[in-house]
Structures are given as structure tokens and as C-alpha cells.
Amino acid sequence: MIRDALLALGVAMSYATQLAVPGLPLGYGELFIAIWIVLAIGRIFAGGRLQVTPAFVQLASFWLILSLALGIGTIVGYLTTVLYLTGLVHDLMAYMLLAGFTCLAAAEPDADRHLRRSAWWVIAIANGSFVIQLGLAFGVAHQPGVDPWFWDRFRGWSENPNQLALYCALFGPLALHLATTTRNPWRRLLAFSSLILTFYVGRLTKSDTYLYTSILSCLVFLGLRLRAWIATSGRASLPRLAAIVLLAGSLPLALAMTPYALTEEASVAHFAKSLTKDQGGEATLETFELRLYLWQDAVETGLKSGSLGLGPGPHLERPPVADRQFLQRPFEAHNTVLDLYLQGGLLAVMALVWIVGAAMSLAWRAGFDALLVLGASTIIFSMPHLIIRHPIVWFSLAFCLVAGNPTALRQQLAEPRVP
């Protein structure tokens, strides 16, 4: 129980980069994860057993392939360009920490129960910390050294509002999965109620990516639940027949409504822009142009390395933007696939696609719709951001891999309740 809560503290607090551990060059999230790893290794030395689960084999294989790809990339980068030691060491330490806790968590006896218990702790800790951060934001409390606002965007304990938005985007589907798979009504109420606070905090960050991720995730989840409901065995009831008729008639109905929708195009576009952080103004356009420039530069730089990568760390030149001249060099591509392509080449990208695909495939076969949404949210958020170094991403992937494999817990969750 204590180790599960400790892992949850590390995962749930990893975005709190404004909170530094006194005397140490790391945050509380990294510290808690490191302590959990030490305790897990100590348990093994004390005679505790490891279980070679399918999830452990998949995660270990991924980290071995990624290590090989990054090693080759480092050699290529050393021979062809200038490597910056700060970025290289930072990424190596992050990857070692992530590989350690994911592999050890997947190899625990009853890994599914431990990770599920940690997931409950993650949701509880996240929402408790959100309440404290909102109190700081609205002047109810004060914490020295913490500024919860980045201009008009809420960032809480994080340095960047997008970091907090990423965690909100993954906390939501994780809580949704726990709510839809628990049999305890109080836990279900806790998980569902946490969605409200998580969404509110996510919208305060004014992250456009969080907005798009939330909308698409809701649509995916509703579609999956409707598919499961229609496909449920049993006699054809009137509501089920009505739903099938509505689905069958949705396409011709949409075509018939097209002329009317086009007449309201301006108001719909205005409404969509009003939801973004800049109402679709110059800042939104500049961000989009900056992303395109970085992505094009990343592809060209990656191809010059022979698709072998250049090793851990950022590798792009500073973008030629007027207000970016004081940014540190080098720069990241702000796209998970492209940044990994720059670091480990095509081999690293293929390994990432494989592990994410395996997690989503297992969640699909297990019938866990909310875990599919969790994977979809991870993919959507990875497009305009580099998220591979965040513990919440790897906790989510490990959770999907462990929960998706056949276990006694999964069979117990799937069994109907006996009245």
C-alpha cells in the first residue's frame, strides 16, 4: 500500500517543476519515483520474487531497442555535429528513471492490482493538489516561490501551462476507466466527480491541445460505448433498434443539413476560435507557423543523419522568430515522433509506434473503452508537444499493457455482479 502510494505521488507530482527539492537538482516527482525504485530493488534483494509478465517483456524489449537506437544516434551525433552535454544527460537520466519504474512495476507480483491501486492514488493526489493550486491562483493561500499564472494562463505548480494540460488530459481518461470498472459506488462517485475538477483545471491552462484532446476523447468514448451497447447480446429492445435507426440515418441526415450548416459557417468558425487561448488571433497563427518551421527542420536534420538520429537531447537551431532570440540553443521540435526521430532515428520511432500500438490493441481486446481513450489522448497530445519524458505517459502505457493482459483481476472485473 505504501509503495503504491509512493509511486502515485511520483507520477501525480511530476509536473510540479516549480517545487524543487532543497539541495537536489530534481523535483518531488522524480524523487518519489527514485525512492520507489530503490524500495522495489530492495524488495528483490530481500527475497521478493519477480514475475515475467507479457507487459514486462514488452516494456523491457522497448527500452532495450530504444537504448540501442539512442546509442547509435549518439555515435552519429558525436561524429557529425556538436552534442550539448546538458540536454544529453537530462534525457538519459529521464529515460533511465522511466525504464526503471515501468519495468519494475510490470514485473511485480499482482502487478495489475498494484497499478490499479496506484491509479486510484494518482487521481486522489491529483485532485487534492488541484484544490491547493486553485487556492493559490485565486488568492486564498500563498506559497513562496510559486507563481500559479503564466500571464493569463493557469500553470499551478508547473513551469509551463502545457505541462499541466498534459497531465489533465491523461488524468481524465484514467479516472474514467476506474469509474467504469469499479463496483464500489463511492469510488465510482469519486472518480466521476474528479472529472469535473480535472476538466476545469485543464481549461484554465488555455491549452488548445487540451481542448482538442478533450473533444476528440469524448467523441471516441461515446462512440465506443454506443458500439458496445448496440452489440450487446440479448433480444432487440426498442431503444437499441432506435439507436441503430438513428445511426443508419445519420449520414443522409448530415448531407441534407449541409446547405444550412454552410450558411452558419461564419458563426461556427467564430465559436471555435473563441475556445482557443488567443481566439484564433495572431498568437495562434504564429504558434502554428513556428511548429511548421520546427517540424520541417526536424525532418531535414533527421534525414541528414541517415535516419539514425543524433543521440539524446534537442538538436535544432534556434527558430528565426523575433521574440525568440534569447531562447537557449539547441531547440526541440515540439513533436514527440519527430523529436524521437532526431534522437534515435527510425528505429526509435518504430519502437515507440510498436509499444503504443500494443497498449491500445490490448485495451481494445480487453474491452476497456476508457483505456483506448487514454491511448488516443496520449497520441493527440504528442503531436504538437514532446511528452515522452513525462512519467504520466509511461504510467498510462504500463497500465494499459498490464490491464490488457489476461489476469484474475481482469476476469473478476468482467464478471457480472451476482444479486
Protein backbone atom coordinates (compact mmCIF):
# COMPACT_ATOMS: atom_id res chain seq x y z
CA MET A 1 0.00 0.00 0.00
CA ILE A 2 2.76 2.48 0.95
CA ARG A 3 4.81 1.71 -2.16
CA ASP A 4 1.72 2.06 -4.36
CA ALA A 5 1.00 5.47 -2.87
CA LEU A 6 4.65 6.47 -3.24
CA LEU A 7 4.63 5.62 -6.96
CA ALA A 8 1.39 7.57 -7.34
CA LEU A 9 2.98 10.59 -5.64
CA GLY A 10 5.85 10.46 -8.12
CA VAL A 11 3.56 10.21 -11.13
CA ALA A 12 0.98 12.75 -9.96
CA MET A 13 3.55 15.37 -8.90
CA SER A 14 5.97 15.15 -11.83
CA TYR A 15 4.52 18.26 -13.48
CA ALA A 16 5.22 20.35 -10.32
CA THR A 17 8.53 21.67 -11.64
CA GLN A 18 8.28 24.91 -9.63
CA LEU A 19 8.67 22.82 -6.47
CA ALA A 20 12.35 21.89 -6.25
CA VAL A 21 13.76 19.62 -3.58
CA PRO A 22 16.12 21.69 -1.40
CA GLY A 23 19.73 20.77 -2.15
CA LEU A 24 18.89 18.45 -5.05
CA PRO A 25 18.68 19.20 -8.80
CA LEU A 26 15.33 17.46 -9.22
CA GLY A 27 11.65 17.79 -8.39
CA TYR A 28 9.49 15.96 -5.91
CA GLY A 29 8.01 13.73 -8.62
CA GLU A 30 11.40 12.40 -9.67
CA LEU A 31 12.42 12.00 -6.03
CA PHE A 32 9.37 9.90 -5.15
CA ILE A 33 9.84 7.70 -8.23
CA ALA A 34 13.53 7.21 -7.39
CA ILE A 35 12.64 6.22 -3.82
CA TRP A 36 10.03 3.76 -5.17
CA ILE A 37 12.65 2.20 -7.46
CA VAL A 38 15.09 1.82 -4.55
CA LEU A 39 12.38 0.17 -2.44
CA ALA A 40 11.41 -2.14 -5.33
CA ILE A 41 15.04 -3.22 -5.80
CA GLY A 42 15.40 -3.64 -2.04
CA ARG A 43 12.36 -5.93 -2.03
CA ILE A 44 14.05 -8.10 -4.66
CA PHE A 45 17.33 -8.29 -2.70
CA ALA A 46 15.33 -9.20 0.40
CA GLY A 47 13.98 -12.27 -1.36
CA GLY A 48 10.94 -10.87 -3.13
CA ARG A 49 10.09 -12.53 -6.39
CA LEU A 50 9.67 -11.06 -9.86
CA GLN A 51 7.07 -12.20 -12.35
CA VAL A 52 7.96 -12.17 -16.04
CA THR A 53 4.63 -10.92 -17.34
CA PRO A 54 3.88 -10.18 -21.01
CA ALA A 55 3.78 -6.47 -20.13
CA PHE A 56 7.26 -6.70 -18.60
CA VAL A 57 8.63 -8.41 -21.72
CA GLN A 58 7.09 -5.75 -23.96
CA LEU A 59 8.37 -2.83 -21.88
CA ALA A 60 11.83 -4.32 -21.43
CA SER A 61 12.06 -5.00 -25.16
CA PHE A 62 11.07 -1.42 -25.94
CA TRP A 63 13.66 0.11 -23.61
CA LEU A 64 16.39 -2.19 -24.94
CA ILE A 65 15.59 -1.21 -28.53
CA LEU A 66 15.43 2.47 -27.59
CA SER A 67 18.78 2.20 -25.78
CA LEU A 68 20.33 0.67 -28.88
CA ALA A 69 18.86 3.37 -31.11
CA LEU A 70 20.00 6.18 -28.80
CA GLY A 71 23.48 4.66 -28.57
CA ILE A 72 23.82 4.56 -32.35
CA GLY A 73 22.45 8.09 -32.57
CA THR A 74 24.96 9.34 -30.00
CA ILE A 75 27.84 7.92 -32.05
CA VAL A 76 26.49 9.55 -35.22
CA GLY A 77 25.96 12.85 -33.40
CA TYR A 78 29.46 12.79 -31.93
CA LEU A 79 30.97 12.27 -35.38
CA THR A 80 28.82 14.72 -37.33
CA THR A 81 27.71 17.55 -35.05
CA VAL A 82 28.16 19.23 -31.67
CA LEU A 83 26.47 17.47 -28.76
CA TYR A 84 25.34 19.54 -25.78
CA LEU A 85 26.10 17.65 -22.59
CA THR A 86 23.30 19.25 -20.55
CA GLY A 87 20.49 18.06 -22.79
CA LEU A 88 22.10 14.64 -23.29
CA VAL A 89 22.48 13.95 -19.57
CA HIS A 90 19.00 15.29 -18.79
CA ASP A 91 17.32 12.97 -21.29
CA LEU A 92 19.44 9.97 -20.30
CA MET A 93 18.52 10.38 -16.64
CA ALA A 94 14.85 10.74 -17.57
CA TYR A 95 14.88 7.60 -19.72
CA MET A 96 16.66 5.58 -17.02
CA LEU A 97 14.09 6.66 -14.44
CA LEU A 98 11.17 5.83 -16.74
CA ALA A 99 12.61 2.47 -17.79
CA GLY A 100 13.27 1.55 -14.17
CA PHE A 101 9.82 2.21 -12.77
CA THR A 102 7.85 0.83 -15.74
CA CYS A 103 9.75 -2.46 -15.92
CA LEU A 104 9.77 -2.98 -12.16
CA ALA A 105 6.06 -2.11 -11.90
CA ALA A 106 5.17 -4.58 -14.65
CA ALA A 107 7.28 -7.33 -13.03
CA GLU A 108 5.64 -7.02 -9.62
CA PRO A 109 3.57 -10.00 -8.40
CA ASP A 110 -0.07 -8.99 -8.91
CA ALA A 111 1.10 -6.04 -10.99
CA ASP A 112 -2.45 -5.31 -12.15
CA ARG A 113 -3.70 -4.86 -8.59
CA HIS A 114 -0.73 -2.71 -7.58
CA LEU A 115 -1.00 -0.45 -10.64
CA ARG A 116 -4.75 -0.13 -10.22
CA ARG A 117 -4.28 0.83 -6.58
CA SER A 118 -1.63 3.36 -7.62
CA ALA A 119 -4.02 4.75 -10.23
CA TRP A 120 -6.61 5.43 -7.53
CA TRP A 121 -3.94 7.20 -5.51
CA VAL A 122 -2.91 9.21 -8.58
CA ILE A 123 -6.45 10.52 -9.05
CA ALA A 124 -6.86 11.34 -5.35
CA ILE A 125 -3.49 13.10 -5.09
CA ALA A 126 -4.00 14.98 -8.35
CA ASN A 127 -7.36 16.38 -7.32
CA GLY A 128 -6.19 17.22 -3.82
CA SER A 129 -3.24 19.15 -5.26
CA PHE A 130 -5.55 20.88 -7.77
CA VAL A 131 -7.60 22.27 -4.88
CA ILE A 132 -4.44 23.67 -3.27
CA GLN A 133 -3.22 25.18 -6.55
CA LEU A 134 -6.57 26.80 -7.24
CA GLY A 135 -6.43 28.30 -3.77
CA LEU A 136 -3.03 29.79 -4.67
CA ALA A 137 -4.34 31.02 -8.01
CA PHE A 138 -7.32 32.89 -6.57
CA GLY A 139 -5.53 34.35 -3.56
CA VAL A 140 -6.97 32.10 -0.87
CA ALA A 141 -3.45 30.98 0.08
CA HIS A 142 0.12 31.98 -0.69
CA GLN A 143 3.20 29.85 -1.29
CA PRO A 144 6.67 31.46 -1.52
CA GLY A 145 8.47 30.87 -4.81
CA VAL A 146 5.36 29.74 -6.69
CA ASP A 147 3.58 31.80 -9.36
CA PRO A 148 0.45 29.88 -10.44
CA TRP A 149 -0.15 32.09 -13.50
CA PHE A 150 1.74 32.40 -16.78
CA TRP A 151 0.26 35.70 -17.95
CA ASP A 152 -3.45 34.76 -18.12
CA ARG A 153 -2.86 31.00 -18.33
CA PHE A 154 -3.04 28.81 -15.24
CA ARG A 155 0.05 26.70 -14.64
CA GLY A 156 -0.23 25.87 -10.93
CA TRP A 157 2.98 24.28 -9.70
CA SER A 158 4.35 23.66 -13.21
CA GLU A 159 6.70 25.91 -15.16
CA ASN A 160 4.63 25.66 -18.34
CA PRO A 161 0.81 25.56 -18.66
CA ASN A 162 1.14 22.87 -21.34
CA GLN A 163 2.75 20.52 -18.81
CA LEU A 164 -0.26 20.82 -16.53
CA ALA A 165 -2.60 20.46 -19.51
CA LEU A 166 -0.94 17.16 -20.49
CA TYR A 167 -1.47 15.70 -17.03
CA CYS A 168 -5.10 16.85 -17.01
CA ALA A 169 -5.59 15.24 -20.44
CA LEU A 170 -4.43 11.87 -19.07
CA PHE A 171 -5.84 12.11 -15.54
CA GLY A 172 -9.34 12.35 -17.04
CA PRO A 173 -9.39 9.07 -19.05
CA LEU A 174 -7.59 7.29 -16.21
CA ALA A 175 -10.32 8.35 -13.76
CA LEU A 176 -12.96 7.41 -16.34
CA HIS A 177 -11.54 3.89 -16.59
CA LEU A 178 -11.51 3.47 -12.81
CA ALA A 179 -15.08 4.76 -12.58
CA THR A 180 -16.41 2.42 -15.27
CA THR A 181 -14.67 -0.69 -13.90
CA THR A 182 -15.22 -0.39 -10.15
CA ARG A 183 -18.11 -1.94 -8.27
CA ASN A 184 -17.83 0.35 -5.27
CA PRO A 185 -20.43 3.16 -5.65
CA TRP A 186 -18.43 5.59 -3.50
CA ARG A 187 -15.29 5.06 -5.56
CA ARG A 188 -17.32 5.46 -8.72
CA LEU A 189 -18.69 8.75 -7.42
CA LEU A 190 -15.18 9.92 -6.51
CA ALA A 191 -13.78 9.07 -9.94
CA PHE A 192 -16.65 10.69 -11.86
CA SER A 193 -16.60 13.82 -9.70
CA SER A 194 -12.84 14.18 -10.23
CA LEU A 195 -13.50 14.60 -13.96
CA ILE A 196 -15.19 17.95 -13.30
CA LEU A 197 -12.26 19.42 -11.39
CA THR A 198 -9.73 17.99 -13.85
CA PHE A 199 -11.55 19.48 -16.84
CA TYR A 200 -11.87 22.85 -15.09
CA VAL A 201 -8.14 22.99 -14.36
CA GLY A 202 -7.34 21.86 -17.89
CA ARG A 203 -9.42 24.65 -19.39
CA LEU A 204 -7.76 27.22 -17.10
CA THR A 205 -4.44 26.37 -18.77
CA LYS A 206 -5.95 27.67 -22.04
CA SER A 207 -4.15 24.91 -23.93
CA ASP A 208 -5.58 24.47 -27.41
CA THR A 209 -4.21 20.92 -27.50
CA TYR A 210 -6.08 20.08 -24.29
CA LEU A 211 -9.29 21.43 -25.81
CA TYR A 212 -8.96 19.35 -28.98
CA THR A 213 -7.89 16.29 -26.99
CA SER A 214 -10.90 16.57 -24.68
CA ILE A 215 -13.38 16.95 -27.53
CA LEU A 216 -11.97 14.08 -29.57
CA SER A 217 -11.65 11.85 -26.49
CA CYS A 218 -15.29 12.41 -25.56
CA LEU A 219 -16.40 11.57 -29.10
CA VAL A 220 -14.25 8.43 -29.16
CA PHE A 221 -15.55 7.26 -25.78
CA LEU A 222 -19.20 7.89 -26.69
CA GLY A 223 -18.72 6.06 -29.98
CA LEU A 224 -17.12 3.08 -28.26
CA ARG A 225 -19.81 2.89 -25.59
CA LEU A 226 -22.56 3.13 -28.18
CA ARG A 227 -20.92 0.40 -30.24
CA ALA A 228 -20.66 -1.85 -27.18
CA TRP A 229 -24.26 -1.13 -26.19
CA ILE A 230 -25.63 -1.94 -29.65
CA ALA A 231 -23.51 -5.08 -29.92
CA THR A 232 -24.60 -6.38 -26.51
CA SER A 233 -26.17 -9.79 -26.75
CA GLY A 234 -29.83 -10.10 -25.96
CA ARG A 235 -33.17 -9.51 -27.56
CA ALA A 236 -33.62 -6.46 -29.76
CA SER A 237 -35.20 -3.86 -27.47
CA LEU A 238 -36.90 -0.71 -28.68
CA PRO A 239 -34.12 1.68 -27.53
CA ARG A 240 -31.49 -0.44 -29.28
CA LEU A 241 -33.48 -0.51 -32.50
CA ALA A 242 -34.00 3.24 -32.29
CA ALA A 243 -30.27 3.82 -31.87
CA ILE A 244 -29.49 1.63 -34.89
CA VAL A 245 -32.04 3.53 -36.99
CA LEU A 246 -30.55 6.87 -35.92
CA LEU A 247 -27.04 5.72 -36.77
CA ALA A 248 -28.14 4.41 -40.13
CA GLY A 249 -29.87 7.67 -40.94
CA SER A 250 -27.14 9.96 -39.63
CA LEU A 251 -25.22 10.14 -42.93
CA PRO A 252 -28.15 11.12 -45.18
CA LEU A 253 -29.35 13.50 -42.47
CA ALA A 254 -25.92 15.15 -42.34
CA LEU A 255 -25.90 15.51 -46.12
CA ALA A 256 -29.36 17.04 -46.07
CA MET A 257 -28.29 19.57 -43.41
CA THR A 258 -25.14 20.64 -45.29
CA PRO A 259 -26.66 23.69 -47.05
CA TYR A 260 -27.99 25.01 -43.73
CA ALA A 261 -24.68 24.37 -41.98
CA LEU A 262 -22.78 26.29 -44.64
CA THR A 263 -24.92 29.36 -44.05
CA GLU A 264 -23.81 29.34 -40.41
CA GLU A 265 -20.16 28.71 -41.24
CA ALA A 266 -19.01 32.12 -40.01
CA SER A 267 -20.69 31.80 -36.61
CA VAL A 268 -19.44 28.24 -36.14
CA ALA A 269 -15.89 29.28 -37.02
CA HIS A 270 -16.15 32.24 -34.66
CA PHE A 271 -17.32 29.95 -31.85
CA ALA A 272 -14.47 27.50 -32.48
CA LYS A 273 -11.92 30.32 -32.43
CA SER A 274 -13.38 31.71 -29.21
CA LEU A 275 -12.45 28.48 -27.43
CA THR A 276 -8.75 28.82 -28.24
CA LYS A 277 -6.33 30.70 -25.99
CA ASP A 278 -5.96 33.60 -28.46
CA GLN A 279 -9.42 33.44 -30.11
CA GLY A 280 -7.67 32.41 -33.33
CA GLY A 281 -5.61 35.62 -33.41
CA GLU A 282 -2.00 36.37 -34.31
CA ALA A 283 -0.54 34.33 -31.44
CA THR A 284 -2.34 31.20 -32.65
CA LEU A 285 -1.09 31.77 -36.20
CA GLU A 286 2.47 32.43 -35.01
CA THR A 287 2.45 29.25 -32.93
CA PHE A 288 1.25 27.25 -35.94
CA GLU A 289 3.93 28.74 -38.20
CA LEU A 290 6.61 28.07 -35.57
CA ARG A 291 5.52 24.44 -35.30
CA LEU A 292 5.68 24.01 -39.08
CA TYR A 293 9.16 25.53 -39.22
CA LEU A 294 10.43 23.26 -36.43
CA TRP A 295 8.86 20.14 -37.94
CA GLN A 296 10.38 20.83 -41.36
CA ASP A 297 13.78 21.48 -39.78
CA ALA A 298 13.48 18.26 -37.75
CA VAL A 299 12.77 16.16 -40.82
CA GLU A 300 15.68 17.68 -42.74
CA THR A 301 18.08 17.25 -39.80
CA GLY A 302 16.95 13.67 -39.23
CA LEU A 303 17.45 12.78 -42.88
CA LYS A 304 20.95 14.25 -42.81
CA SER A 305 21.79 11.80 -40.02
CA GLY A 306 20.76 8.93 -42.28
CA SER A 307 17.67 8.36 -40.11
CA LEU A 308 19.99 7.07 -37.37
CA GLY A 309 19.45 10.01 -35.03
CA LEU A 310 21.89 12.24 -33.17
CA GLY A 311 21.52 10.99 -29.61
CA PRO A 312 19.51 12.19 -26.60
CA GLY A 313 18.74 15.88 -26.19
CA PRO A 314 17.49 18.63 -28.53
CA HIS A 315 19.25 19.16 -31.86
CA LEU A 316 17.53 22.00 -33.75
CA GLU A 317 18.77 25.52 -34.30
CA ARG A 318 17.02 28.42 -32.61
CA PRO A 319 13.97 29.40 -34.72
CA PRO A 320 14.29 32.75 -36.55
CA VAL A 321 11.47 34.46 -34.67
CA ALA A 322 11.84 38.00 -33.36
CA ASP A 323 10.86 37.28 -29.75
CA ARG A 324 12.81 34.00 -29.59
CA GLN A 325 16.35 35.38 -29.86
CA PHE A 326 17.00 34.86 -26.16
CA LEU A 327 15.90 31.23 -26.09
CA GLN A 328 18.52 28.66 -25.27
CA ARG A 329 20.12 26.68 -28.02
CA PRO A 330 19.53 23.98 -29.23
CA PHE A 331 15.77 23.69 -29.70
CA GLU A 332 13.25 20.85 -29.69
CA ALA A 333 10.82 20.02 -32.49
CA HIS A 334 7.79 20.01 -30.14
CA ASN A 335 6.53 16.80 -31.71
CA THR A 336 7.14 13.50 -29.93
CA VAL A 337 7.70 11.41 -33.06
CA LEU A 338 10.00 13.97 -34.70
CA ASP A 339 11.99 14.61 -31.52
CA LEU A 340 12.47 10.88 -31.05
CA TYR A 341 13.41 10.61 -34.74
CA LEU A 342 16.12 13.21 -34.13
CA GLN A 343 17.41 11.31 -31.10
CA GLY A 344 17.22 7.66 -32.12
CA GLY A 345 16.31 7.70 -35.77
CA LEU A 346 13.78 5.49 -37.50
CA LEU A 347 14.44 2.55 -35.17
CA ALA A 348 13.37 4.55 -32.12
CA VAL A 349 10.22 5.77 -33.86
CA MET A 350 9.28 2.23 -34.89
CA ALA A 351 9.78 1.04 -31.30
CA LEU A 352 7.53 3.82 -29.98
CA VAL A 353 4.80 3.06 -32.53
CA TRP A 354 5.00 -0.62 -31.60
CA ILE A 355 4.67 -0.14 -27.81
CA VAL A 356 1.81 2.37 -28.13
CA GLY A 357 0.06 0.16 -30.68
CA ALA A 358 0.48 -2.88 -28.42
CA ALA A 359 -1.03 -0.99 -25.46
CA MET A 360 -4.05 0.16 -27.45
CA SER A 361 -4.51 -3.26 -29.06
CA LEU A 362 -4.61 -4.96 -25.66
CA ALA A 363 -7.04 -2.36 -24.32
CA TRP A 364 -9.28 -2.93 -27.37
CA ARG A 365 -9.28 -6.71 -26.97
CA ALA A 366 -9.94 -6.40 -23.24
CA GLY A 367 -12.95 -4.17 -23.89
CA PHE A 368 -11.62 -1.27 -21.82
CA ASP A 369 -13.02 1.70 -23.74
CA ALA A 370 -11.63 4.32 -21.36
CA LEU A 371 -8.12 2.92 -21.76
CA LEU A 372 -8.49 3.29 -25.53
CA VAL A 373 -9.41 6.91 -24.87
CA LEU A 374 -6.33 7.19 -22.66
CA GLY A 375 -4.16 5.96 -25.52
CA ALA A 376 -5.89 8.25 -28.00
CA SER A 377 -5.38 11.25 -25.70
CA THR A 378 -1.68 10.40 -25.45
CA ILE A 379 -1.34 10.25 -29.23
CA ILE A 380 -3.22 13.50 -29.84
CA PHE A 381 -1.22 15.42 -27.24
CA SER A 382 2.06 14.06 -28.61
CA MET A 383 1.56 15.71 -31.99
CA PRO A 384 2.34 19.34 -31.01
CA HIS A 385 4.37 18.53 -27.86
CA LEU A 386 7.29 16.40 -26.68
CA ILE A 387 5.75 14.19 -23.99
CA ILE A 388 7.93 11.09 -23.96
CA ARG A 389 9.83 12.21 -20.84
CA HIS A 390 6.74 12.62 -18.65
CA PRO A 391 6.09 9.81 -16.11
CA ILE A 392 2.29 10.06 -16.54
CA VAL A 393 2.69 8.95 -20.17
CA TRP A 394 4.62 5.83 -19.24
CA PHE A 395 2.45 5.07 -16.24
CA SER A 396 -0.54 5.16 -18.63
CA LEU A 397 1.14 2.89 -21.17
CA ALA A 398 2.26 0.43 -18.48
CA PHE A 399 -1.25 0.48 -17.02
CA CYS A 400 -2.75 -0.36 -20.43
CA LEU A 401 -0.26 -3.16 -21.07
CA VAL A 402 -0.79 -4.75 -17.66
CA ALA A 403 -4.58 -4.28 -17.57
CA GLY A 404 -4.99 -5.56 -21.12
CA ASN A 405 -3.29 -8.91 -20.48
CA PRO A 406 -5.49 -11.75 -19.16
CA THR A 407 -5.33 -11.84 -15.37
CA ALA A 408 -7.51 -12.88 -12.47
CA LEU A 409 -8.32 -9.23 -11.73
CA ARG A 410 -9.45 -8.59 -15.29
CA GLN A 411 -11.67 -11.66 -15.21
CA GLN A 412 -13.10 -10.54 -11.88
CA LEU A 413 -13.91 -7.07 -13.29
CA ALA A 414 -15.55 -8.64 -16.31
CA GLU A 415 -17.80 -10.94 -14.28
CA PRO A 416 -21.34 -9.67 -13.80
CA ARG A 417 -22.36 -8.88 -10.25
CA VAL A 418 -24.48 -11.55 -8.64
CA PRO A 419 -27.53 -10.00 -6.93
